[in-house]
Amino acid sequence: RIVTGYQGGEVVGDYLLVRQADAHAWSEIWIAHQGWVRVD
């Protein structure tokens, strides 16, 4: 299946700034006894 969200972000001072440009899509595959495993 596909997962959408954000990936990364930029460290600014003491916090992390995540922009709309950091939007990202990756995949998950199901493996027995492990469940859904992220694959990018």
PDB file of all heavy atoms in Angstrom:
ATOM      1  N   ARG A   1       0.845  -1.195   0.000  1.00  0.00           N
ATOM      2  CA  ARG A   1       0.000   0.000   0.000  1.00  0.00           C
ATOM      3  C   ARG A   1       0.879   1.244   0.000  1.00  0.00           C
ATOM      4  O   ARG A   1       2.083   1.166   0.261  1.00  0.00           O
ATOM      5  CB  ARG A   1      -0.933   0.006   1.214  1.00  0.00           C
ATOM      6  CG  ARG A   1      -0.214   0.009   2.559  1.00  0.00           C
ATOM      7  CD  ARG A   1      -1.195  -0.226   3.688  1.00  0.00           C
ATOM      8  NE  ARG A   1      -0.549  -0.082   5.007  1.00  0.00           N
ATOM      9  CZ  ARG A   1      -1.151  -0.293   6.174  1.00  0.00           C
ATOM     10  NH1 ARG A   1      -2.430  -0.684   6.184  1.00  0.00           N
ATOM     11  NH2 ARG A   1      -0.504  -0.121   7.304  1.00  0.00           N
ATOM     12  N   ILE A   2       0.262   2.386  -0.304  1.00  0.00           N
ATOM     13  CA  ILE A   2       0.979   3.667  -0.355  1.00  0.00           C
ATOM     14  C   ILE A   2       0.710   4.436   0.931  1.00  0.00           C
ATOM     15  O   ILE A   2      -0.413   4.421   1.459  1.00  0.00           O
ATOM     16  CB  ILE A   2       0.542   4.496  -1.579  1.00  0.00           C
ATOM     17  CG1 ILE A   2       0.994   3.814  -2.871  1.00  0.00           C
ATOM     18  CG2 ILE A   2       1.095   5.908  -1.521  1.00  0.00           C
ATOM     19  CD1 ILE A   2       0.538   4.534  -4.131  1.00  0.00           C
ATOM     20  N   VAL A   3       1.729   5.099   1.432  1.00  0.00           N
ATOM     21  CA  VAL A   3       1.589   5.996   2.578  1.00  0.00           C
ATOM     22  C   VAL A   3       2.031   7.387   2.135  1.00  0.00           C
ATOM     23  O   VAL A   3       3.090   7.542   1.517  1.00  0.00           O
ATOM     24  CB  VAL A   3       2.438   5.535   3.778  1.00  0.00           C
ATOM     25  CG1 VAL A   3       2.230   6.467   4.968  1.00  0.00           C
ATOM     26  CG2 VAL A   3       2.093   4.103   4.165  1.00  0.00           C
ATOM     27  N   THR A   4       1.219   8.401   2.426  1.00  0.00           N
ATOM     28  CA  THR A   4       1.602   9.783   2.121  1.00  0.00           C
ATOM     29  C   THR A   4       1.809  10.541   3.428  1.00  0.00           C
ATOM     30  O   THR A   4       1.184  10.239   4.452  1.00  0.00           O
ATOM     31  CB  THR A   4       0.535  10.502   1.280  1.00  0.00           C
ATOM     32  OG1 THR A   4      -0.702  10.551   2.012  1.00  0.00           O
ATOM     33  CG2 THR A   4       0.313   9.795  -0.037  1.00  0.00           C
ATOM     34  N   GLY A   5       2.680  11.484   3.369  1.00  0.00           N
ATOM     35  CA  GLY A   5       2.986  12.284   4.553  1.00  0.00           C
ATOM     36  C   GLY A   5       4.083  13.269   4.219  1.00  0.00           C
ATOM     37  O   GLY A   5       4.096  13.872   3.136  1.00  0.00           O
ATOM     38  N   TYR A   6       5.015  13.416   5.124  1.00  0.00           N
ATOM     39  CA  TYR A   6       6.143  14.331   4.933  1.00  0.00           C
ATOM     40  C   TYR A   6       7.417  13.604   5.339  1.00  0.00           C
ATOM     41  O   TYR A   6       7.396  12.713   6.182  1.00  0.00           O
ATOM     42  CB  TYR A   6       5.979  15.598   5.781  1.00  0.00           C
ATOM     43  CG  TYR A   6       4.738  16.394   5.442  1.00  0.00           C
ATOM     44  CD1 TYR A   6       3.524  16.125   6.069  1.00  0.00           C
ATOM     45  CD2 TYR A   6       4.777  17.414   4.495  1.00  0.00           C
ATOM     46  CE1 TYR A   6       2.387  16.842   5.757  1.00  0.00           C
ATOM     47  CE2 TYR A   6       3.647  18.139   4.179  1.00  0.00           C
ATOM     48  CZ  TYR A   6       2.448  17.845   4.809  1.00  0.00           C
ATOM     49  OH  TYR A   6       1.322  18.555   4.503  1.00  0.00           O
ATOM     50  N   GLN A   7       8.511  14.012   4.741  1.00  0.00           N
ATOM     51  CA  GLN A   7       9.779  13.381   5.072  1.00  0.00           C
ATOM     52  C   GLN A   7      10.834  14.459   5.297  1.00  0.00           C
ATOM     53  O   GLN A   7      10.982  15.382   4.508  1.00  0.00           O
ATOM     54  CB  GLN A   7      10.227  12.452   3.952  1.00  0.00           C
ATOM     55  CG  GLN A   7      11.218  11.383   4.382  1.00  0.00           C
ATOM     56  CD  GLN A   7      12.607  11.937   4.686  1.00  0.00           C
ATOM     57  OE1 GLN A   7      13.077  12.814   3.973  1.00  0.00           O
ATOM     58  NE2 GLN A   7      13.253  11.415   5.721  1.00  0.00           N
ATOM     59  N   GLY A   8      11.570  14.316   6.393  1.00  0.00           N
ATOM     60  CA  GLY A   8      12.672  15.228   6.658  1.00  0.00           C
ATOM     61  C   GLY A   8      12.247  16.437   7.458  1.00  0.00           C
ATOM     62  O   GLY A   8      11.651  16.331   8.520  1.00  0.00           O
ATOM     63  N   GLY A   9      12.533  17.617   6.931  1.00  0.00           N
ATOM     64  CA  GLY A   9      12.325  18.868   7.640  1.00  0.00           C
ATOM     65  C   GLY A   9      13.661  19.557   7.854  1.00  0.00           C
ATOM     66  O   GLY A   9      14.731  18.933   7.798  1.00  0.00           O
ATOM     67  N   GLU A  10      13.620  20.834   8.069  1.00  0.00           N
ATOM     68  CA  GLU A  10      14.833  21.641   8.207  1.00  0.00           C
ATOM     69  C   GLU A  10      14.988  22.104   9.646  1.00  0.00           C
ATOM     70  O   GLU A  10      14.046  22.642  10.237  1.00  0.00           O
ATOM     71  CB  GLU A  10      14.760  22.848   7.272  1.00  0.00           C
ATOM     72  CG  GLU A  10      15.997  23.708   7.300  1.00  0.00           C
ATOM     73  CD  GLU A  10      15.949  24.810   6.244  1.00  0.00           C
ATOM     74  OE1 GLU A  10      14.898  24.948   5.587  1.00  0.00           O
ATOM     75  OE2 GLU A  10      16.951  25.521   6.096  1.00  0.00           O
ATOM     76  N   VAL A  11      16.162  21.906  10.210  1.00  0.00           N
ATOM     77  CA  VAL A  11      16.438  22.347  11.578  1.00  0.00           C
ATOM     78  C   VAL A  11      16.657  23.856  11.563  1.00  0.00           C
ATOM     79  O   VAL A  11      17.562  24.357  10.891  1.00  0.00           O
ATOM     80  CB  VAL A  11      17.662  21.626  12.160  1.00  0.00           C
ATOM     81  CG1 VAL A  11      17.957  22.136  13.567  1.00  0.00           C
ATOM     82  CG2 VAL A  11      17.444  20.120  12.168  1.00  0.00           C
ATOM     83  N   VAL A  12      15.820  24.576  12.312  1.00  0.00           N
ATOM     84  CA  VAL A  12      15.914  26.032  12.429  1.00  0.00           C
ATOM     85  C   VAL A  12      15.989  26.353  13.918  1.00  0.00           C
ATOM     86  O   VAL A  12      14.985  26.247  14.633  1.00  0.00           O
ATOM     87  CB  VAL A  12      14.699  26.734  11.787  1.00  0.00           C
ATOM     88  CG1 VAL A  12      14.854  28.248  11.884  1.00  0.00           C
ATOM     89  CG2 VAL A  12      14.531  26.307  10.341  1.00  0.00           C
ATOM     90  N   GLY A  13      17.155  26.727  14.378  1.00  0.00           N
ATOM     91  CA  GLY A  13      17.301  26.983  15.808  1.00  0.00           C
ATOM     92  C   GLY A  13      17.133  25.696  16.597  1.00  0.00           C
ATOM     93  O   GLY A  13      17.827  24.705  16.374  1.00  0.00           O
ATOM     94  N   ASP A  14      16.143  25.700  17.507  1.00  0.00           N
ATOM     95  CA  ASP A  14      15.913  24.516  18.346  1.00  0.00           C
ATOM     96  C   ASP A  14      14.671  23.743  17.926  1.00  0.00           C
ATOM     97  O   ASP A  14      14.160  22.936  18.687  1.00  0.00           O
ATOM     98  CB  ASP A  14      15.780  24.941  19.813  1.00  0.00           C
ATOM     99  CG  ASP A  14      14.606  25.885  20.031  1.00  0.00           C
ATOM    100  OD1 ASP A  14      14.076  26.422  19.028  1.00  0.00           O
ATOM    101  OD2 ASP A  14      14.210  26.090  21.194  1.00  0.00           O
ATOM    102  N   TYR A  15      14.163  23.987  16.730  1.00  0.00           N
ATOM    103  CA  TYR A  15      12.972  23.271  16.272  1.00  0.00           C
ATOM    104  C   TYR A  15      13.149  22.827  14.830  1.00  0.00           C
ATOM    105  O   TYR A  15      14.114  23.199  14.148  1.00  0.00           O
ATOM    106  CB  TYR A  15      11.723  24.145  16.423  1.00  0.00           C
ATOM    107  CG  TYR A  15      11.669  25.343  15.492  1.00  0.00           C
ATOM    108  CD1 TYR A  15      11.003  25.290  14.278  1.00  0.00           C
ATOM    109  CD2 TYR A  15      12.283  26.539  15.840  1.00  0.00           C
ATOM    110  CE1 TYR A  15      10.949  26.373  13.434  1.00  0.00           C
ATOM    111  CE2 TYR A  15      12.236  27.640  15.011  1.00  0.00           C
ATOM    112  CZ  TYR A  15      11.571  27.555  13.807  1.00  0.00           C
ATOM    113  OH  TYR A  15      11.529  28.641  12.972  1.00  0.00           O
ATOM    114  N   LEU A  16      12.206  22.013  14.379  1.00  0.00           N
ATOM    115  CA  LEU A  16      12.229  21.460  13.029  1.00  0.00           C
ATOM    116  C   LEU A  16      11.098  22.090  12.226  1.00  0.00           C
ATOM    117  O   LEU A  16       9.939  22.069  12.651  1.00  0.00           O
ATOM    118  CB  LEU A  16      12.051  19.940  13.088  1.00  0.00           C
ATOM    119  CG  LEU A  16      12.309  19.160  11.798  1.00  0.00           C
ATOM    120  CD1 LEU A  16      13.794  19.143  11.480  1.00  0.00           C
ATOM    121  CD2 LEU A  16      11.795  17.725  11.943  1.00  0.00           C
ATOM    122  N   LEU A  17      11.439  22.653  11.090  1.00  0.00           N
ATOM    123  CA  LEU A  17      10.445  23.249  10.194  1.00  0.00           C
ATOM    124  C   LEU A  17      10.163  22.278   9.057  1.00  0.00           C
ATOM    125  O   LEU A  17      11.064  21.913   8.298  1.00  0.00           O
ATOM    126  CB  LEU A  17      10.958  24.580   9.647  1.00  0.00           C
ATOM    127  CG  LEU A  17      10.142  25.211   8.518  1.00  0.00           C
ATOM    128  CD1 LEU A  17       8.740  25.559   8.990  1.00  0.00           C
ATOM    129  CD2 LEU A  17      10.850  26.451   7.977  1.00  0.00           C
ATOM    130  N   VAL A  18       8.911  21.851   8.940  1.00  0.00           N
ATOM    131  CA  VAL A  18       8.492  20.947   7.866  1.00  0.00           C
ATOM    132  C   VAL A  18       7.574  21.736   6.939  1.00  0.00           C
ATOM    133  O   VAL A  18       6.546  22.260   7.364  1.00  0.00           O
ATOM    134  CB  VAL A  18       7.768  19.703   8.419  1.00  0.00           C
ATOM    135  CG1 VAL A  18       7.382  18.761   7.280  1.00  0.00           C
ATOM    136  CG2 VAL A  18       8.658  18.977   9.427  1.00  0.00           C
ATOM    137  N   ARG A  19       7.961  21.841   5.680  1.00  0.00           N
ATOM    138  CA  ARG A  19       7.212  22.620   4.702  1.00  0.00           C
ATOM    139  C   ARG A  19       6.300  21.710   3.874  1.00  0.00           C
ATOM    140  O   ARG A  19       6.443  20.489   3.874  1.00  0.00           O
ATOM    141  CB  ARG A  19       8.170  23.373   3.774  1.00  0.00           C
ATOM    142  CG  ARG A  19       9.209  24.233   4.486  1.00  0.00           C
ATOM    143  CD  ARG A  19      10.137  24.863   3.449  1.00  0.00           C
ATOM    144  NE  ARG A  19      11.267  25.538   4.045  1.00  0.00           N
ATOM    145  CZ  ARG A  19      11.285  26.800   4.439  1.00  0.00           C
ATOM    146  NH1 ARG A  19      10.185  27.524   4.300  1.00  0.00           N
ATOM    147  NH2 ARG A  19      12.368  27.345   4.966  1.00  0.00           N
ATOM    148  N   GLN A  20       5.400  22.351   3.129  1.00  0.00           N
ATOM    149  CA  GLN A  20       4.581  21.580   2.195  1.00  0.00           C
ATOM    150  C   GLN A  20       5.455  20.913   1.137  1.00  0.00           C
ATOM    151  O   GLN A  20       5.127  19.848   0.626  1.00  0.00           O
ATOM    152  CB  GLN A  20       3.552  22.495   1.519  1.00  0.00           C
ATOM    153  CG  GLN A  20       2.524  23.104   2.452  1.00  0.00           C
ATOM    154  CD  GLN A  20       1.585  22.079   3.055  1.00  0.00           C
ATOM    155  OE1 GLN A  20       1.633  20.902   2.717  1.00  0.00           O
ATOM    156  NE2 GLN A  20       0.718  22.518   3.952  1.00  0.00           N
ATOM    157  N   ALA A  21       6.594  21.541   0.805  1.00  0.00           N
ATOM    158  CA  ALA A  21       7.503  20.947  -0.179  1.00  0.00           C
ATOM    159  C   ALA A  21       8.127  19.657   0.317  1.00  0.00           C
ATOM    160  O   ALA A  21       8.688  18.890  -0.488  1.00  0.00           O
ATOM    161  CB  ALA A  21       8.597  21.948  -0.543  1.00  0.00           C
ATOM    162  N   ASP A  22       8.067  19.397   1.625  1.00  0.00           N
ATOM    163  CA  ASP A  22       8.581  18.140   2.173  1.00  0.00           C
ATOM    164  C   ASP A  22       7.569  17.005   2.068  1.00  0.00           C
ATOM    165  O   ASP A  22       7.824  15.902   2.605  1.00  0.00           O
ATOM    166  CB  ASP A  22       8.993  18.335   3.638  1.00  0.00           C
ATOM    167  CG  ASP A  22      10.172  19.265   3.793  1.00  0.00           C
ATOM    168  OD1 ASP A  22      11.148  19.095   3.050  1.00  0.00           O
ATOM    169  OD2 ASP A  22      10.121  20.177   4.643  1.00  0.00           O
ATOM    170  N   ALA A  23       6.437  17.249   1.427  1.00  0.00           N
ATOM    171  CA  ALA A  23       5.453  16.178   1.229  1.00  0.00           C
ATOM    172  C   ALA A  23       6.106  15.011   0.493  1.00  0.00           C
ATOM    173  O   ALA A  23       6.905  15.199  -0.435  1.00  0.00           O
ATOM    174  CB  ALA A  23       4.256  16.707   0.446  1.00  0.00           C
ATOM    175  N   HIS A  24       5.748  13.807   0.899  1.00  0.00           N
ATOM    176  CA  HIS A  24       6.448  12.621   0.379  1.00  0.00           C
ATOM    177  C   HIS A  24       5.477  11.447   0.338  1.00  0.00           C
ATOM    178  O   HIS A  24       4.483  11.419   1.078  1.00  0.00           O
ATOM    179  CB  HIS A  24       7.637  12.296   1.284  1.00  0.00           C
ATOM    180  CG  HIS A  24       8.608  11.325   0.697  1.00  0.00           C
ATOM    181  ND1 HIS A  24       9.238  11.521  -0.509  1.00  0.00           N
ATOM    182  CD2 HIS A  24       9.069  10.121   1.168  1.00  0.00           C
ATOM    183  CE1 HIS A  24      10.044  10.504  -0.754  1.00  0.00           C
ATOM    184  NE2 HIS A  24       9.952   9.633   0.243  1.00  0.00           N
ATOM    185  N   ALA A  25       5.767  10.516  -0.531  1.00  0.00           N
ATOM    186  CA  ALA A  25       4.990   9.274  -0.616  1.00  0.00           C
ATOM    187  C   ALA A  25       5.961   8.097  -0.613  1.00  0.00           C
ATOM    188  O   ALA A  25       7.019   8.156  -1.248  1.00  0.00           O
ATOM    189  CB  ALA A  25       4.137   9.262  -1.882  1.00  0.00           C
ATOM    190  N   TRP A  26       5.609   7.067   0.113  1.00  0.00           N
ATOM    191  CA  TRP A  26       6.422   5.850   0.163  1.00  0.00           C
ATOM    192  C   TRP A  26       5.492   4.639   0.216  1.00  0.00           C
ATOM    193  O   TRP A  26       4.259   4.779   0.137  1.00  0.00           O
ATOM    194  CB  TRP A  26       7.388   5.874   1.342  1.00  0.00           C
ATOM    195  CG  TRP A  26       6.765   5.976   2.707  1.00  0.00           C
ATOM    196  CD1 TRP A  26       6.437   4.957   3.548  1.00  0.00           C
ATOM    197  CD2 TRP A  26       6.416   7.187   3.393  1.00  0.00           C
ATOM    198  NE1 TRP A  26       5.902   5.443   4.713  1.00  0.00           N
ATOM    199  CE2 TRP A  26       5.882   6.810   4.654  1.00  0.00           C
ATOM    200  CE3 TRP A  26       6.492   8.547   3.088  1.00  0.00           C
ATOM    201  CZ2 TRP A  26       5.421   7.739   5.580  1.00  0.00           C
ATOM    202  CZ3 TRP A  26       6.051   9.467   4.010  1.00  0.00           C
ATOM    203  CH2 TRP A  26       5.530   9.069   5.243  1.00  0.00           C
ATOM    204  N   SER A  27       6.040   3.471   0.357  1.00  0.00           N
ATOM    205  CA  SER A  27       5.238   2.245   0.336  1.00  0.00           C
ATOM    206  C   SER A  27       5.411   1.471   1.635  1.00  0.00           C
ATOM    207  O   SER A  27       6.371   1.691   2.392  1.00  0.00           O
ATOM    208  CB  SER A  27       5.640   1.351  -0.846  1.00  0.00           C
ATOM    209  OG  SER A  27       5.463   2.011  -2.072  1.00  0.00           O
ATOM    210  N   GLU A  28       4.471   0.562   1.870  1.00  0.00           N
ATOM    211  CA  GLU A  28       4.584  -0.418   2.943  1.00  0.00           C
ATOM    212  C   GLU A  28       4.224  -1.780   2.376  1.00  0.00           C
ATOM    213  O   GLU A  28       3.252  -1.900   1.606  1.00  0.00           O
ATOM    214  CB  GLU A  28       3.661  -0.076   4.112  1.00  0.00           C
ATOM    215  CG  GLU A  28       4.146   1.083   4.961  1.00  0.00           C
ATOM    216  CD  GLU A  28       3.243   1.350   6.156  1.00  0.00           C
ATOM    217  OE1 GLU A  28       2.056   0.965   6.111  1.00  0.00           O
ATOM    218  OE2 GLU A  28       3.722   1.945   7.140  1.00  0.00           O
ATOM    219  N   ILE A  29       4.999  -2.774   2.719  1.00  0.00           N
ATOM    220  CA  ILE A  29       4.672  -4.152   2.331  1.00  0.00           C
ATOM    221  C   ILE A  29       4.426  -4.945   3.609  1.00  0.00           C
ATOM    222  O   ILE A  29       4.990  -4.647   4.672  1.00  0.00           O
ATOM    223  CB  ILE A  29       5.792  -4.805   1.497  1.00  0.00           C
ATOM    224  CG1 ILE A  29       7.099  -4.891   2.292  1.00  0.00           C
ATOM    225  CG2 ILE A  29       5.998  -4.042   0.188  1.00  0.00           C
ATOM    226  CD1 ILE A  29       8.193  -5.683   1.596  1.00  0.00           C
ATOM    227  N   TRP A  30       3.543  -5.938   3.492  1.00  0.00           N
ATOM    228  CA  TRP A  30       3.225  -6.755   4.672  1.00  0.00           C
ATOM    229  C   TRP A  30       4.049  -8.034   4.632  1.00  0.00           C
ATOM    230  O   TRP A  30       4.066  -8.763   3.638  1.00  0.00           O
ATOM    231  CB  TRP A  30       1.742  -7.091   4.716  1.00  0.00           C
ATOM    232  CG  TRP A  30       1.345  -7.751   6.009  1.00  0.00           C
ATOM    233  CD1 TRP A  30       1.014  -7.131   7.171  1.00  0.00           C
ATOM    234  CD2 TRP A  30       1.251  -9.155   6.246  1.00  0.00           C
ATOM    235  NE1 TRP A  30       0.727  -8.056   8.142  1.00  0.00           N
ATOM    236  CE2 TRP A  30       0.865  -9.315   7.603  1.00  0.00           C
ATOM    237  CE3 TRP A  30       1.469 -10.297   5.469  1.00  0.00           C
ATOM    238  CZ2 TRP A  30       0.677 -10.561   8.180  1.00  0.00           C
ATOM    239  CZ3 TRP A  30       1.285 -11.534   6.045  1.00  0.00           C
ATOM    240  CH2 TRP A  30       0.891 -11.662   7.396  1.00  0.00           C
ATOM    241  N   ILE A  31       4.753  -8.290   5.741  1.00  0.00           N
ATOM    242  CA  ILE A  31       5.576  -9.496   5.890  1.00  0.00           C
ATOM    243  C   ILE A  31       5.089 -10.243   7.126  1.00  0.00           C
ATOM    244  O   ILE A  31       4.864  -9.629   8.180  1.00  0.00           O
ATOM    245  CB  ILE A  31       7.070  -9.137   6.035  1.00  0.00           C
ATOM    246  CG1 ILE A  31       7.545  -8.337   4.812  1.00  0.00           C
ATOM    247  CG2 ILE A  31       7.916 -10.378   6.220  1.00  0.00           C
ATOM    248  CD1 ILE A  31       8.976  -7.852   4.917  1.00  0.00           C
ATOM    249  N   ALA A  32       4.899 -11.521   6.997  1.00  0.00           N
ATOM    250  CA  ALA A  32       4.393 -12.331   8.115  1.00  0.00           C
ATOM    251  C   ALA A  32       5.277 -12.164   9.343  1.00  0.00           C
ATOM    252  O   ALA A  32       6.511 -12.150   9.238  1.00  0.00           O
ATOM    253  CB  ALA A  32       4.319 -13.806   7.700  1.00  0.00           C
ATOM    254  N   HIS A  33       4.626 -12.054  10.488  1.00  0.00           N
ATOM    255  CA  HIS A  33       5.262 -11.909  11.804  1.00  0.00           C
ATOM    256  C   HIS A  33       5.980 -10.556  11.989  1.00  0.00           C
ATOM    257  O   HIS A  33       6.490 -10.278  13.061  1.00  0.00           O
ATOM    258  CB  HIS A  33       6.263 -13.042  12.076  1.00  0.00           C
ATOM    259  CG  HIS A  33       5.702 -14.406  11.871  1.00  0.00           C
ATOM    260  ND1 HIS A  33       4.638 -14.902  12.603  1.00  0.00           N
ATOM    261  CD2 HIS A  33       6.042 -15.381  10.979  1.00  0.00           C
ATOM    262  CE1 HIS A  33       4.351 -16.123  12.197  1.00  0.00           C
ATOM    263  NE2 HIS A  33       5.183 -16.444  11.208  1.00  0.00           N
ATOM    264  N   GLN A  34       6.045  -9.748  10.957  1.00  0.00           N
ATOM    265  CA  GLN A  34       6.640  -8.409  11.076  1.00  0.00           C
ATOM    266  C   GLN A  34       5.612  -7.306  10.894  1.00  0.00           C
ATOM    267  O   GLN A  34       5.786  -6.190  11.383  1.00  0.00           O
ATOM    268  CB  GLN A  34       7.764  -8.227  10.040  1.00  0.00           C
ATOM    269  CG  GLN A  34       8.934  -9.168  10.224  1.00  0.00           C
ATOM    270  CD  GLN A  34      10.043  -8.863   9.231  1.00  0.00           C
ATOM    271  OE1 GLN A  34      10.360  -7.709   8.964  1.00  0.00           O
ATOM    272  NE2 GLN A  34      10.645  -9.920   8.677  1.00  0.00           N
ATOM    273  N   GLY A  35       4.531  -7.638  10.197  1.00  0.00           N
ATOM    274  CA  GLY A  35       3.505  -6.636   9.929  1.00  0.00           C
ATOM    275  C   GLY A  35       3.896  -5.740   8.767  1.00  0.00           C
ATOM    276  O   GLY A  35       4.654  -6.143   7.868  1.00  0.00           O
ATOM    277  N   TRP A  36       3.370  -4.521   8.781  1.00  0.00           N
ATOM    278  CA  TRP A  36       3.644  -3.575   7.698  1.00  0.00           C
ATOM    279  C   TRP A  36       5.032  -2.972   7.890  1.00  0.00           C
ATOM    280  O   TRP A  36       5.360  -2.411   8.923  1.00  0.00           O
ATOM    281  CB  TRP A  36       2.588  -2.463   7.672  1.00  0.00           C
ATOM    282  CG  TRP A  36       1.243  -2.956   7.221  1.00  0.00           C
ATOM    283  CD1 TRP A  36       0.139  -3.184   7.979  1.00  0.00           C
ATOM    284  CD2 TRP A  36       0.880  -3.280   5.878  1.00  0.00           C
ATOM    285  NE1 TRP A  36      -0.906  -3.638   7.217  1.00  0.00           N
ATOM    286  CE2 TRP A  36      -0.478  -3.705   5.901  1.00  0.00           C
ATOM    287  CE3 TRP A  36       1.535  -3.275   4.658  1.00  0.00           C
ATOM    288  CZ2 TRP A  36      -1.159  -4.093   4.769  1.00  0.00           C
ATOM    289  CZ3 TRP A  36       0.841  -3.667   3.513  1.00  0.00           C
ATOM    290  CH2 TRP A  36      -0.492  -4.069   3.579  1.00  0.00           C
ATOM    291  N   VAL A  37       5.847  -3.084   6.835  1.00  0.00           N
ATOM    292  CA  VAL A  37       7.233  -2.620   6.870  1.00  0.00           C
ATOM    293  C   VAL A  37       7.401  -1.503   5.835  1.00  0.00           C
ATOM    294  O   VAL A  37       7.001  -1.654   4.672  1.00  0.00           O
ATOM    295  CB  VAL A  37       8.212  -3.779   6.563  1.00  0.00           C
ATOM    296  CG1 VAL A  37       9.650  -3.258   6.532  1.00  0.00           C
ATOM    297  CG2 VAL A  37       8.055  -4.893   7.590  1.00  0.00           C
ATOM    298  N   ARG A  38       7.983  -0.409   6.277  1.00  0.00           N
ATOM    299  CA  ARG A  38       8.166   0.732   5.368  1.00  0.00           C
ATOM    300  C   ARG A  38       9.261   0.438   4.349  1.00  0.00           C
ATOM    301  O   ARG A  38      10.345  -0.041   4.691  1.00  0.00           O
ATOM    302  CB  ARG A  38       8.536   1.981   6.167  1.00  0.00           C
ATOM    303  CG  ARG A  38       8.741   3.218   5.279  1.00  0.00           C
ATOM    304  CD  ARG A  38       8.971   4.474   6.082  1.00  0.00           C
ATOM    305  NE  ARG A  38      10.185   4.397   6.861  1.00  0.00           N
ATOM    306  CZ  ARG A  38      10.252   4.611   8.165  1.00  0.00           C
ATOM    307  NH1 ARG A  38       9.152   4.899   8.853  1.00  0.00           N
ATOM    308  NH2 ARG A  38      11.400   4.537   8.810  1.00  0.00           N
ATOM    309  N   VAL A  39       8.966   0.778   3.085  1.00  0.00           N
ATOM    310  CA  VAL A  39       9.942   0.696   2.002  1.00  0.00           C
ATOM    311  C   VAL A  39       9.819   1.995   1.197  1.00  0.00           C
ATOM    312  O   VAL A  39       8.740   2.323   0.702  1.00  0.00           O
ATOM    313  CB  VAL A  39       9.682  -0.511   1.072  1.00  0.00           C
ATOM    314  CG1 VAL A  39      10.747  -0.563  -0.021  1.00  0.00           C
ATOM    315  CG2 VAL A  39       9.641  -1.810   1.857  1.00  0.00           C
ATOM    316  N   ASP A  40      10.903   2.717   1.080  1.00  0.00           N
ATOM    317  CA  ASP A  40      10.885   3.972   0.318  1.00  0.00           C
ATOM    318  C   ASP A  40      11.678   3.777  -0.965  1.00  0.00           C
ATOM    319  O   ASP A  40      12.919   3.835  -0.961  1.00  0.00           O
ATOM    320  CB  ASP A  40      11.486   5.110   1.147  1.00  0.00           C
ATOM    321  CG  ASP A  40      11.259   6.466   0.489  1.00  0.00           C
ATOM    322  OD1 ASP A  40      10.816   6.495  -0.672  1.00  0.00           O
ATOM    323  OD2 ASP A  40      11.526   7.493   1.143  1.00  0.00           O
TER     324      ASP A  40
END
